Amino acid sequence: MREDVLRSLAARASSDQNFLSGLRRDPEAALAAHGYALTEEELATVLDLRRRTAALGDGTVVALLSGGLKSRTGSPPGRPQSPGGSVAGPARPRFPRRGRRREV
């Protein structure tokens, strides 16, 4: 998936109200009218975003897109760290000691 194309779409949709309205009404027609040729995966992403934001107003969608653009740096996300911060992997479980009793 070409992140620069999706970033361009998001930037255009957040700055061009007519483009955003067309994109929300008929994505394929709006994309073709503005010269976008998306891959199947990119189009699926656009259609999924359209589905998930269908109940929101255009202003809210613009705010979401703008916020997403500000938080992205263009590089892929880093790998999540383990809960303990250790890079060695999961800890070995402790087994209870059996058969040993301390005598006092």
C-alpha atoms as a PDB file:
ATOM      1  CA  MET A   1       0.000   0.000   0.000  1.00  0.00           C
ATOM      2  CA  ARG A   2       1.355   3.397  -0.953  1.00  0.00           C
ATOM      3  CA  GLU A   3       1.224   5.554   2.129  1.00  0.00           C
ATOM      4  CA  ASP A   4       2.053   8.702   0.146  1.00  0.00           C
ATOM      5  CA  VAL A   5      -1.113   8.216  -1.957  1.00  0.00           C
ATOM      6  CA  LEU A   6      -3.283   7.729   1.117  1.00  0.00           C
ATOM      7  CA  ARG A   7      -1.653  10.724   2.782  1.00  0.00           C
ATOM      8  CA  SER A   8      -2.385  12.801  -0.342  1.00  0.00           C
ATOM      9  CA  LEU A   9      -6.023  11.646  -0.291  1.00  0.00           C
ATOM     10  CA  ALA A  10      -6.392  12.521   3.388  1.00  0.00           C
ATOM     11  CA  ALA A  11      -4.785  15.942   2.900  1.00  0.00           C
ATOM     12  CA  ARG A  12      -7.037  16.721  -0.068  1.00  0.00           C
ATOM     13  CA  ALA A  13     -10.159  15.515   1.739  1.00  0.00           C
ATOM     14  CA  SER A  14      -9.356  17.662   4.774  1.00  0.00           C
ATOM     15  CA  SER A  15      -8.760  20.794   2.704  1.00  0.00           C
ATOM     16  CA  ASP A  16     -11.292  20.414  -0.170  1.00  0.00           C
ATOM     17  CA  GLN A  17     -14.908  20.170   1.019  1.00  0.00           C
ATOM     18  CA  ASN A  18     -16.212  19.248  -2.464  1.00  0.00           C
ATOM     19  CA  PHE A  19     -13.722  16.398  -2.780  1.00  0.00           C
ATOM     20  CA  LEU A  20     -14.616  15.090   0.684  1.00  0.00           C
ATOM     21  CA  SER A  21     -18.342  15.224  -0.071  1.00  0.00           C
ATOM     22  CA  GLY A  22     -17.845  13.372  -3.357  1.00  0.00           C
ATOM     23  CA  LEU A  23     -15.574  10.839  -1.679  1.00  0.00           C
ATOM     24  CA  ARG A  24     -18.213  10.120   0.946  1.00  0.00           C
ATOM     25  CA  ARG A  25     -21.039   9.923  -1.620  1.00  0.00           C
ATOM     26  CA  ASP A  26     -19.380   7.908  -4.403  1.00  0.00           C
ATOM     27  CA  PRO A  27     -15.716   7.131  -3.706  1.00  0.00           C
ATOM     28  CA  GLU A  28     -14.897   5.484  -7.044  1.00  0.00           C
ATOM     29  CA  ALA A  29     -16.336   8.387  -9.080  1.00  0.00           C
ATOM     30  CA  ALA A  30     -14.653  11.031  -6.917  1.00  0.00           C
ATOM     31  CA  LEU A  31     -11.286   9.297  -7.103  1.00  0.00           C
ATOM     32  CA  ALA A  32     -11.504   8.884 -10.886  1.00  0.00           C
ATOM     33  CA  ALA A  33     -12.609  12.499 -11.351  1.00  0.00           C
ATOM     34  CA  HIS A  34      -9.530  13.722  -9.481  1.00  0.00           C
ATOM     35  CA  GLY A  35      -7.068  11.391 -11.192  1.00  0.00           C
ATOM     36  CA  TYR A  36      -6.478   8.882  -8.425  1.00  0.00           C
ATOM     37  CA  ALA A  37      -5.766   5.294  -9.491  1.00  0.00           C
ATOM     38  CA  LEU A  38      -5.771   3.210  -6.324  1.00  0.00           C
ATOM     39  CA  THR A  39      -4.767  -0.381  -5.846  1.00  0.00           C
ATOM     40  CA  GLU A  40      -7.428  -2.798  -4.587  1.00  0.00           C
ATOM     41  CA  GLU A  41      -5.940  -2.629  -1.098  1.00  0.00           C
ATOM     42  CA  GLU A  42      -5.919   1.182  -1.078  1.00  0.00           C
ATOM     43  CA  LEU A  43      -9.509   1.341  -2.338  1.00  0.00           C
ATOM     44  CA  ALA A  44     -10.546  -1.166   0.346  1.00  0.00           C
ATOM     45  CA  THR A  45      -8.952   1.115   2.952  1.00  0.00           C
ATOM     46  CA  VAL A  46     -10.854   4.139   1.630  1.00  0.00           C
ATOM     47  CA  LEU A  47     -14.140   2.195   1.530  1.00  0.00           C
ATOM     48  CA  ASP A  48     -13.580   0.894   5.069  1.00  0.00           C
ATOM     49  CA  LEU A  49     -12.921   4.419   6.342  1.00  0.00           C
ATOM     50  CA  ARG A  50     -16.059   5.589   4.557  1.00  0.00           C
ATOM     51  CA  ARG A  51     -18.073   2.828   6.221  1.00  0.00           C
ATOM     52  CA  ARG A  52     -16.667   3.544   9.682  1.00  0.00           C
ATOM     53  CA  THR A  53     -17.281   7.304   9.436  1.00  0.00           C
ATOM     54  CA  ALA A  54     -20.697   7.162   7.728  1.00  0.00           C
ATOM     55  CA  ALA A  55     -22.538   8.441  10.803  1.00  0.00           C
ATOM     56  CA  LEU A  56     -20.129  11.352  11.346  1.00  0.00           C
ATOM     57  CA  GLY A  57     -20.410  14.817   9.885  1.00  0.00           C
ATOM     58  CA  ASP A  58     -17.899  16.149   7.365  1.00  0.00           C
ATOM     59  CA  GLY A  59     -16.323  18.433   9.994  1.00  0.00           C
ATOM     60  CA  THR A  60     -15.640  15.514  12.291  1.00  0.00           C
ATOM     61  CA  VAL A  61     -14.157  13.481   9.444  1.00  0.00           C
ATOM     62  CA  VAL A  62     -11.897  16.416   8.505  1.00  0.00           C
ATOM     63  CA  ALA A  63     -10.731  16.664  12.131  1.00  0.00           C
ATOM     64  CA  LEU A  64     -10.004  12.929  12.243  1.00  0.00           C
ATOM     65  CA  LEU A  65      -8.076  13.027   8.969  1.00  0.00           C
ATOM     66  CA  SER A  66      -6.117  16.115  10.003  1.00  0.00           C
ATOM     67  CA  GLY A  67      -5.250  14.571  13.354  1.00  0.00           C
ATOM     68  CA  GLY A  68      -4.128  11.367  11.657  1.00  0.00           C
ATOM     69  CA  LEU A  69      -1.876  13.281   9.289  1.00  0.00           C
ATOM     70  CA  LYS A  70      -0.216  15.188  12.118  1.00  0.00           C
ATOM     71  CA  SER A  71       0.525  12.055  14.120  1.00  0.00           C
ATOM     72  CA  ARG A  72       2.045  10.110  11.187  1.00  0.00           C
ATOM     73  CA  THR A  73       5.704  10.454  10.337  1.00  0.00           C
ATOM     74  CA  GLY A  74       5.693   8.288   7.235  1.00  0.00           C
ATOM     75  CA  SER A  75       7.726   5.485   8.689  1.00  0.00           C
ATOM     76  CA  PRO A  76       6.209   2.149   9.632  1.00  0.00           C
ATOM     77  CA  PRO A  77       5.198   1.714  13.262  1.00  0.00           C
ATOM     78  CA  GLY A  78       7.750   0.237  15.615  1.00  0.00           C
ATOM     79  CA  ARG A  79       7.471  -3.211  17.088  1.00  0.00           C
ATOM     80  CA  PRO A  80       5.679  -3.284  20.420  1.00  0.00           C
ATOM     81  CA  GLN A  81       7.783  -4.008  23.455  1.00  0.00           C
ATOM     82  CA  SER A  82       7.055  -6.772  25.881  1.00  0.00           C
ATOM     83  CA  PRO A  83       5.108  -5.758  28.995  1.00  0.00           C
ATOM     84  CA  GLY A  84       8.152  -5.847  31.281  1.00  0.00           C
ATOM     85  CA  GLY A  85      10.345  -3.865  28.940  1.00  0.00           C
ATOM     86  CA  SER A  86      12.652  -6.848  28.586  1.00  0.00           C
ATOM     87  CA  VAL A  87      13.710  -7.864  25.105  1.00  0.00           C
ATOM     88  CA  ALA A  88      14.696 -11.348  26.219  1.00  0.00           C
ATOM     89  CA  GLY A  89      11.205 -12.759  25.813  1.00  0.00           C
ATOM     90  CA  PRO A  90       8.696 -14.207  28.213  1.00  0.00           C
ATOM     91  CA  ALA A  91       9.803 -15.300  31.653  1.00  0.00           C
ATOM     92  CA  ARG A  92       9.972 -18.926  32.595  1.00  0.00           C
ATOM     93  CA  PRO A  93       7.199 -19.954  34.989  1.00  0.00           C
ATOM     94  CA  ARG A  94       8.243 -20.883  38.510  1.00  0.00           C
ATOM     95  CA  PHE A  95       7.332 -24.356  39.565  1.00  0.00           C
ATOM     96  CA  PRO A  96       6.480 -24.999  43.201  1.00  0.00           C
ATOM     97  CA  ARG A  97       8.974 -27.046  45.111  1.00  0.00           C
ATOM     98  CA  ARG A  98       7.617 -30.465  45.936  1.00  0.00           C
ATOM     99  CA  GLY A  99       8.584 -32.907  48.583  1.00  0.00           C
ATOM    100  CA  ARG A 100      10.890 -30.604  50.479  1.00  0.00           C
ATOM    101  CA  ARG A 101       9.903 -29.525  53.926  1.00  0.00           C
ATOM    102  CA  ARG A 102      11.976 -27.425  56.114  1.00  0.00           C
ATOM    103  CA  GLU A 103      12.402 -28.759  59.544  1.00  0.00           C
ATOM    104  CA  VAL A 104      12.894 -26.370  62.348  1.00  0.00           C
END
